[in-house]
PDB file of N, CA and C in Angstrom:
ATOM      1  N   MET A   1      -8.266 149.478 -66.156  1.00  0.00           N
ATOM      2  CA  MET A   1      -7.019 148.906 -66.587  1.00  0.00           C
ATOM      3  C   MET A   1      -6.112 148.601 -65.391  1.00  0.00           C
ATOM      4  N   ARG A   2      -6.013 149.472 -64.432  1.00  0.00           N
ATOM      5  CA  ARG A   2      -5.150 149.257 -63.276  1.00  0.00           C
ATOM      6  C   ARG A   2      -5.641 148.103 -62.424  1.00  0.00           C
ATOM      7  N   LYS A   3      -6.955 147.955 -62.334  1.00  0.00           N
ATOM      8  CA  LYS A   3      -7.516 146.860 -61.549  1.00  0.00           C
ATOM      9  C   LYS A   3      -7.105 145.519 -62.151  1.00  0.00           C
ATOM     10  N   SER A   4      -7.110 145.406 -63.455  1.00  0.00           N
ATOM     11  CA  SER A   4      -6.710 144.175 -64.139  1.00  0.00           C
ATOM     12  C   SER A   4      -5.239 143.866 -63.886  1.00  0.00           C
ATOM     13  N   ALA A   5      -4.405 144.880 -63.930  1.00  0.00           N
ATOM     14  CA  ALA A   5      -2.973 144.690 -63.688  1.00  0.00           C
ATOM     15  C   ALA A   5      -2.726 144.239 -62.251  1.00  0.00           C
ATOM     16  N   PHE A   6      -3.460 144.824 -61.315  1.00  0.00           N
ATOM     17  CA  PHE A   6      -3.313 144.447 -59.912  1.00  0.00           C
ATOM     18  C   PHE A   6      -3.730 142.996 -59.695  1.00  0.00           C
ATOM     19  N   ILE A   7      -4.839 142.600 -60.301  1.00  0.00           N
ATOM     20  CA  ILE A   7      -5.313 141.215 -60.181  1.00  0.00           C
ATOM     21  C   ILE A   7      -4.311 140.260 -60.808  1.00  0.00           C
ATOM     22  N   ALA A   8      -3.766 140.631 -61.952  1.00  0.00           N
ATOM     23  CA  ALA A   8      -2.765 139.794 -62.610  1.00  0.00           C
ATOM     24  C   ALA A   8      -1.530 139.642 -61.730  1.00  0.00           C
ATOM     25  N   LEU A   9      -1.107 140.711 -61.083  1.00  0.00           N
ATOM     26  CA  LEU A   9       0.051 140.662 -60.193  1.00  0.00           C
ATOM     27  C   LEU A   9      -0.201 139.733 -59.013  1.00  0.00           C
ATOM     28  N   ILE A  10      -1.377 139.791 -58.456  1.00  0.00           N
ATOM     29  CA  ILE A  10      -1.737 138.908 -57.338  1.00  0.00           C
ATOM     30  C   ILE A  10      -1.730 137.451 -57.795  1.00  0.00           C
ATOM     31  N   LEU A  11      -2.267 137.180 -58.972  1.00  0.00           N
ATOM     32  CA  LEU A  11      -2.290 135.811 -59.488  1.00  0.00           C
ATOM     33  C   LEU A  11      -0.885 135.281 -59.746  1.00  0.00           C
ATOM     34  N   VAL A  12      -0.009 136.120 -60.265  1.00  0.00           N
ATOM     35  CA  VAL A  12       1.378 135.713 -60.506  1.00  0.00           C
ATOM     36  C   VAL A  12       2.076 135.423 -59.178  1.00  0.00           C
ATOM     37  N   ALA A  13       1.867 136.275 -58.202  1.00  0.00           N
ATOM     38  CA  ALA A  13       2.478 136.066 -56.883  1.00  0.00           C
ATOM     39  C   ALA A  13       1.982 134.762 -56.261  1.00  0.00           C
ATOM     40  N   ALA A  14       0.706 134.476 -56.402  1.00  0.00           N
ATOM     41  CA  ALA A  14       0.151 133.226 -55.869  1.00  0.00           C
ATOM     42  C   ALA A  14       0.735 132.023 -56.598  1.00  0.00           C
ATOM     43  N   ALA A  15       0.898 132.123 -57.900  1.00  0.00           N
ATOM     44  CA  ALA A  15       1.461 131.009 -58.680  1.00  0.00           C
ATOM     45  C   ALA A  15       2.907 130.744 -58.290  1.00  0.00           C
ATOM     46  N   VAL A  16       3.669 131.799 -58.060  1.00  0.00           N
ATOM     47  CA  VAL A  16       5.069 131.632 -57.640  1.00  0.00           C
ATOM     48  C   VAL A  16       5.132 130.953 -56.279  1.00  0.00           C
ATOM     49  N   THR A  17       4.260 131.351 -55.364  1.00  0.00           N
ATOM     50  CA  THR A  17       4.219 130.739 -54.034  1.00  0.00           C
ATOM     51  C   THR A  17       3.872 129.261 -54.124  1.00  0.00           C
ATOM     52  N   VAL A  18       2.890 128.926 -54.948  1.00  0.00           N
ATOM     53  CA  VAL A  18       2.496 127.529 -55.126  1.00  0.00           C
ATOM     54  C   VAL A  18       3.632 126.732 -55.745  1.00  0.00           C
ATOM     55  N   ALA A  19       4.306 127.291 -56.735  1.00  0.00           N
ATOM     56  CA  ALA A  19       5.420 126.591 -57.383  1.00  0.00           C
ATOM     57  C   ALA A  19       6.550 126.339 -56.391  1.00  0.00           C
ATOM     58  N   ALA A  20       6.845 127.305 -55.550  1.00  0.00           N
ATOM     59  CA  ALA A  20       7.906 127.132 -54.559  1.00  0.00           C
ATOM     60  C   ALA A  20       7.535 126.049 -53.557  1.00  0.00           C
ATOM     61  N   GLN A  21       6.283 126.030 -53.108  1.00  0.00           N
ATOM     62  CA  GLN A  21       5.846 125.002 -52.163  1.00  0.00           C
ATOM     63  C   GLN A  21       5.887 123.633 -52.820  1.00  0.00           C
ATOM     64  N   THR A  22       5.484 123.562 -54.083  1.00  0.00           N
ATOM     65  CA  THR A  22       5.539 122.301 -54.816  1.00  0.00           C
ATOM     66  C   THR A  22       6.977 121.816 -54.914  1.00  0.00           C
ATOM     67  N   GLY A  23       7.901 122.732 -55.154  1.00  0.00           N
ATOM     68  CA  GLY A  23       9.318 122.374 -55.219  1.00  0.00           C
ATOM     69  C   GLY A  23       9.820 121.857 -53.884  1.00  0.00           C
ATOM     70  N   ARG A  24       9.409 122.493 -52.794  1.00  0.00           N
ATOM     71  CA  ARG A  24       9.829 122.040 -51.460  1.00  0.00           C
ATOM     72  C   ARG A  24       9.218 120.681 -51.126  1.00  0.00           C
ATOM     73  N   ASP A  25       7.976 120.472 -51.555  1.00  0.00           N
ATOM     74  CA  ASP A  25       7.344 119.168 -51.361  1.00  0.00           C
ATOM     75  C   ASP A  25       8.113 118.091 -52.131  1.00  0.00           C
ATOM     76  N   ALA A  26       8.565 118.436 -53.324  1.00  0.00           N
ATOM     77  CA  ALA A  26       9.329 117.482 -54.132  1.00  0.00           C
ATOM     78  C   ALA A  26      10.650 117.130 -53.453  1.00  0.00           C
ATOM     79  N   LEU A  27      11.256 118.083 -52.760  1.00  0.00           N
ATOM     80  CA  LEU A  27      12.516 117.805 -52.056  1.00  0.00           C
ATOM     81  C   LEU A  27      12.278 116.816 -50.917  1.00  0.00           C
ATOM     82  N   THR A  28      11.173 117.010 -50.209  1.00  0.00           N
ATOM     83  CA  THR A  28      10.816 116.078 -49.139  1.00  0.00           C
ATOM     84  C   THR A  28      10.559 114.687 -49.712  1.00  0.00           C
ATOM     85  N   LYS A  29       9.848 114.642 -50.836  1.00  0.00           N
ATOM     86  CA  LYS A  29       9.569 113.363 -51.489  1.00  0.00           C
ATOM     87  C   LYS A  29      10.860 112.717 -51.993  1.00  0.00           C
ATOM     88  N   ALA A  30      11.810 113.522 -52.436  1.00  0.00           N
ATOM     89  CA  ALA A  30      13.079 112.985 -52.929  1.00  0.00           C
ATOM     90  C   ALA A  30      13.843 112.277 -51.810  1.00  0.00           C
ATOM     91  N   LEU A  31      13.828 112.847 -50.614  1.00  0.00           N
ATOM     92  CA  LEU A  31      14.489 112.186 -49.481  1.00  0.00           C
ATOM     93  C   LEU A  31      13.853 110.828 -49.199  1.00  0.00           C
ATOM     94  N   ALA A  32      12.529 110.795 -49.223  1.00  0.00           N
ATOM     95  CA  ALA A  32      11.819 109.530 -48.997  1.00  0.00           C
ATOM     96  C   ALA A  32      12.081 108.555 -50.133  1.00  0.00           C
ATOM     97  N   LEU A  33      12.124 109.059 -51.356  1.00  0.00           N
ATOM     98  CA  LEU A  33      12.380 108.208 -52.509  1.00  0.00           C
ATOM     99  C   LEU A  33      13.779 107.610 -52.438  1.00  0.00           C
ATOM    100  N   TYR A  34      14.740 108.377 -51.958  1.00  0.00           N
ATOM    101  CA  TYR A  34      16.096 107.851 -51.794  1.00  0.00           C
ATOM    102  C   TYR A  34      16.088 106.693 -50.802  1.00  0.00           C
ATOM    103  N   GLU A  35      15.405 106.867 -49.694  1.00  0.00           N
ATOM    104  CA  GLU A  35      15.357 105.819 -48.668  1.00  0.00           C
ATOM    105  C   GLU A  35      14.675 104.553 -49.191  1.00  0.00           C
ATOM    106  N   GLN A  36      13.650 104.721 -50.017  1.00  0.00           N
ATOM    107  CA  GLN A  36      12.866 103.580 -50.488  1.00  0.00           C
ATOM    108  C   GLN A  36      13.379 102.997 -51.800  1.00  0.00           C
ATOM    109  N   GLU A  37      13.948 103.808 -52.660  1.00  0.00           N
ATOM    110  CA  GLU A  37      14.305 103.360 -54.010  1.00  0.00           C
ATOM    111  C   GLU A  37      15.796 103.475 -54.267  1.00  0.00           C
ATOM    112  N   SER A  38      16.203 104.645 -54.778  1.00  0.00           N
ATOM    113  CA  SER A  38      17.605 104.795 -55.167  1.00  0.00           C
ATOM    114  C   SER A  38      18.003 106.266 -55.261  1.00  0.00           C
ATOM    115  N   PHE A  39      19.302 106.471 -55.279  1.00  0.00           N
ATOM    116  CA  PHE A  39      19.860 107.805 -55.438  1.00  0.00           C
ATOM    117  C   PHE A  39      19.441 108.394 -56.784  1.00  0.00           C
ATOM    118  N   GLU A  40      19.497 107.584 -57.828  1.00  0.00           N
ATOM    119  CA  GLU A  40      19.195 108.058 -59.170  1.00  0.00           C
ATOM    120  C   GLU A  40      17.771 108.598 -59.281  1.00  0.00           C
ATOM    121  N   LYS A  41      16.818 107.888 -58.682  1.00  0.00           N
ATOM    122  CA  LYS A  41      15.420 108.336 -58.750  1.00  0.00           C
ATOM    123  C   LYS A  41      15.223 109.622 -57.950  1.00  0.00           C
ATOM    124  N   ALA A  42      15.876 109.725 -56.812  1.00  0.00           N
ATOM    125  CA  ALA A  42      15.770 110.941 -56.002  1.00  0.00           C
ATOM    126  C   ALA A  42      16.391 112.125 -56.740  1.00  0.00           C
ATOM    127  N   PHE A  43      17.546 111.902 -57.344  1.00  0.00           N
ATOM    128  CA  PHE A  43      18.220 112.958 -58.100  1.00  0.00           C
ATOM    129  C   PHE A  43      17.346 113.420 -59.269  1.00  0.00           C
ATOM    130  N   ALA A  44      16.733 112.471 -59.969  1.00  0.00           N
ATOM    131  CA  ALA A  44      15.865 112.814 -61.102  1.00  0.00           C
ATOM    132  C   ALA A  44      14.678 113.661 -60.644  1.00  0.00           C
ATOM    133  N   LEU A  45      14.095 113.319 -59.513  1.00  0.00           N
ATOM    134  CA  LEU A  45      12.968 114.086 -58.991  1.00  0.00           C
ATOM    135  C   LEU A  45      13.393 115.513 -58.658  1.00  0.00           C
ATOM    136  N   ILE A  46      14.546 115.661 -58.031  1.00  0.00           N
ATOM    137  CA  ILE A  46      15.035 117.007 -57.696  1.00  0.00           C
ATOM    138  C   ILE A  46      15.327 117.793 -58.966  1.00  0.00           C
ATOM    139  N   SER A  47      15.916 117.149 -59.954  1.00  0.00           N
ATOM    140  CA  SER A  47      16.222 117.828 -61.220  1.00  0.00           C
ATOM    141  C   SER A  47      14.966 118.329 -61.919  1.00  0.00           C
ATOM    142  N   GLU A  48      13.899 117.561 -61.842  1.00  0.00           N
ATOM    143  CA  GLU A  48      12.636 117.979 -62.457  1.00  0.00           C
ATOM    144  C   GLU A  48      11.979 119.098 -61.661  1.00  0.00           C
ATOM    145  N   ALA A  49      12.017 118.990 -60.348  1.00  0.00           N
ATOM    146  CA  ALA A  49      11.326 119.958 -59.490  1.00  0.00           C
ATOM    147  C   ALA A  49      12.030 121.313 -59.439  1.00  0.00           C
ATOM    148  N   VAL A  50      13.349 121.287 -59.526  1.00  0.00           N
ATOM    149  CA  VAL A  50      14.128 122.520 -59.428  1.00  0.00           C
ATOM    150  C   VAL A  50      15.110 122.575 -60.598  1.00  0.00           C
ATOM    151  N   PRO A  51      14.656 123.037 -61.751  1.00  0.00           N
ATOM    152  CA  PRO A  51      15.549 123.106 -62.912  1.00  0.00           C
ATOM    153  C   PRO A  51      16.645 124.154 -62.710  1.00  0.00           C
ATOM    154  N   GLU A  52      17.729 124.002 -63.429  1.00  0.00           N
ATOM    155  CA  GLU A  52      18.831 124.961 -63.321  1.00  0.00           C
ATOM    156  C   GLU A  52      18.391 126.373 -63.652  1.00  0.00           C
ATOM    157  N   SER A  53      17.388 126.497 -64.487  1.00  0.00           N
ATOM    158  CA  SER A  53      16.915 127.818 -64.905  1.00  0.00           C
ATOM    159  C   SER A  53      16.047 128.508 -63.848  1.00  0.00           C
ATOM    160  N   SER A  54      15.768 127.834 -62.747  1.00  0.00           N
ATOM    161  CA  SER A  54      14.943 128.425 -61.695  1.00  0.00           C
ATOM    162  C   SER A  54      15.604 129.682 -61.140  1.00  0.00           C
ATOM    163  N   THR A  55      14.792 130.688 -60.862  1.00  0.00           N
ATOM    164  CA  THR A  55      15.308 131.929 -60.297  1.00  0.00           C
ATOM    165  C   THR A  55      15.046 132.029 -58.798  1.00  0.00           C
ATOM    166  N   ASP A  56      14.415 131.020 -58.221  1.00  0.00           N
ATOM    167  CA  ASP A  56      14.117 131.008 -56.788  1.00  0.00           C
ATOM    168  C   ASP A  56      15.360 130.529 -56.037  1.00  0.00           C
ATOM    169  N   GLN A  57      16.134 131.475 -55.537  1.00  0.00           N
ATOM    170  CA  GLN A  57      17.403 131.138 -54.890  1.00  0.00           C
ATOM    171  C   GLN A  57      17.212 130.314 -53.620  1.00  0.00           C
ATOM    172  N   ALA A  58      16.164 130.584 -52.879  1.00  0.00           N
ATOM    173  CA  ALA A  58      15.905 129.811 -51.652  1.00  0.00           C
ATOM    174  C   ALA A  58      15.605 128.363 -51.998  1.00  0.00           C
ATOM    175  N   LEU A  59      14.834 128.144 -53.047  1.00  0.00           N
ATOM    176  CA  LEU A  59      14.513 126.786 -53.477  1.00  0.00           C
ATOM    177  C   LEU A  59      15.747 126.074 -54.007  1.00  0.00           C
ATOM    178  N   LYS A  60      16.575 126.787 -54.762  1.00  0.00           N
ATOM    179  CA  LYS A  60      17.807 126.188 -55.283  1.00  0.00           C
ATOM    180  C   LYS A  60      18.744 125.819 -54.136  1.00  0.00           C
ATOM    181  N   SER A  61      18.799 126.654 -53.126  1.00  0.00           N
ATOM    182  CA  SER A  61      19.627 126.368 -51.959  1.00  0.00           C
ATOM    183  C   SER A  61      19.100 125.143 -51.207  1.00  0.00           C
ATOM    184  N   ALA A  62      17.778 125.063 -51.066  1.00  0.00           N
ATOM    185  CA  ALA A  62      17.170 123.902 -50.405  1.00  0.00           C
ATOM    186  C   ALA A  62      17.439 122.627 -51.208  1.00  0.00           C
ATOM    187  N   ALA A  63      17.388 122.738 -52.529  1.00  0.00           N
ATOM    188  CA  ALA A  63      17.687 121.583 -53.379  1.00  0.00           C
ATOM    189  C   ALA A  63      19.138 121.147 -53.206  1.00  0.00           C
ATOM    190  N   ALA A  64      20.045 122.106 -53.139  1.00  0.00           N
ATOM    191  CA  ALA A  64      21.455 121.785 -52.929  1.00  0.00           C
ATOM    192  C   ALA A  64      21.666 121.101 -51.579  1.00  0.00           C
ATOM    193  N   ASP A  65      20.995 121.595 -50.556  1.00  0.00           N
ATOM    194  CA  ASP A  65      21.103 120.971 -49.232  1.00  0.00           C
ATOM    195  C   ASP A  65      20.561 119.546 -49.249  1.00  0.00           C
ATOM    196  N   THR A  66      19.448 119.347 -49.949  1.00  0.00           N
ATOM    197  CA  THR A  66      18.860 118.010 -50.046  1.00  0.00           C
ATOM    198  C   THR A  66      19.800 117.070 -50.784  1.00  0.00           C
ATOM    199  N   LEU A  67      20.376 117.539 -51.883  1.00  0.00           N
ATOM    200  CA  LEU A  67      21.331 116.707 -52.626  1.00  0.00           C
ATOM    201  C   LEU A  67      22.557 116.379 -51.776  1.00  0.00           C
ATOM    202  N   THR A  68      22.996 117.320 -50.978  1.00  0.00           N
ATOM    203  CA  THR A  68      24.126 117.069 -50.092  1.00  0.00           C
ATOM    204  C   THR A  68      23.770 115.989 -49.073  1.00  0.00           C
ATOM    205  N   ASP A  69      22.593 116.089 -48.475  1.00  0.00           N
ATOM    206  CA  ASP A  69      22.153 115.080 -47.507  1.00  0.00           C
ATOM    207  C   ASP A  69      22.101 113.690 -48.137  1.00  0.00           C
ATOM    208  N   ILE A  70      21.504 113.622 -49.314  1.00  0.00           N
ATOM    209  CA  ILE A  70      21.384 112.333 -50.001  1.00  0.00           C
ATOM    210  C   ILE A  70      22.762 111.795 -50.378  1.00  0.00           C
ATOM    211  N   SER A  71      23.621 112.665 -50.864  1.00  0.00           N
ATOM    212  CA  SER A  71      24.968 112.246 -51.264  1.00  0.00           C
ATOM    213  C   SER A  71      25.769 111.731 -50.080  1.00  0.00           C
ATOM    214  N   LEU A  72      25.648 112.397 -48.944  1.00  0.00           N
ATOM    215  CA  LEU A  72      26.356 111.929 -47.742  1.00  0.00           C
ATOM    216  C   LEU A  72      25.847 110.568 -47.287  1.00  0.00           C
ATOM    217  N   LYS A  73      24.536 110.374 -47.344  1.00  0.00           N
ATOM    218  CA  LYS A  73      23.973 109.085 -46.974  1.00  0.00           C
ATOM    219  C   LYS A  73      24.440 107.995 -47.942  1.00  0.00           C
ATOM    220  N   GLU A  74      24.482 108.335 -49.218  1.00  0.00           N
ATOM    221  CA  GLU A  74      24.940 107.370 -50.222  1.00  0.00           C
ATOM    222  C   GLU A  74      26.415 107.019 -49.992  1.00  0.00           C
ATOM    223  N   TYR A  75      27.222 108.022 -49.717  1.00  0.00           N
ATOM    224  CA  TYR A  75      28.641 107.789 -49.447  1.00  0.00           C
ATOM    225  C   TYR A  75      28.810 106.886 -48.213  1.00  0.00           C
ATOM    226  N   ASP A  76      28.077 107.213 -47.140  1.00  0.00           N
ATOM    227  CA  ASP A  76      28.173 106.422 -45.913  1.00  0.00           C
ATOM    228  C   ASP A  76      27.751 104.988 -46.136  1.00  0.00           C
ATOM    229  N   SER A  77      26.748 104.767 -46.964  1.00  0.00           N
ATOM    230  CA  SER A  77      26.280 103.393 -47.182  1.00  0.00           C
ATOM    231  C   SER A  77      27.263 102.592 -48.025  1.00  0.00           C
ATOM    232  N   LYS A  78      28.069 103.268 -48.823  1.00  0.00           N
ATOM    233  CA  LYS A  78      29.020 102.560 -49.686  1.00  0.00           C
ATOM    234  C   LYS A  78      30.372 102.380 -49.015  1.00  0.00           C
ATOM    235  N   ASN A  79      30.640 103.130 -47.970  1.00  0.00           N
ATOM    236  CA  ASN A  79      31.976 103.057 -47.333  1.00  0.00           C
ATOM    237  C   ASN A  79      31.894 102.632 -45.905  1.00  0.00           C
TER     238      ASN A  79
END
């Protein structure tokens, strides 16, 4: 029984790591999408990749930083 619990814990930890990396990859893609397409598409990608319900504070912080970068670029291009 303990061996099964340990294996399950390892699998959960691996899944969380993969999800976080996928989220960070999405942030990188969002920056590129902003440059190639639009603010709206980049924002939508970030919203999907990092939902408000996410408990990964580092990922949420990275998403906020990415949104700030995109917003500043959008502001600069309009003014």
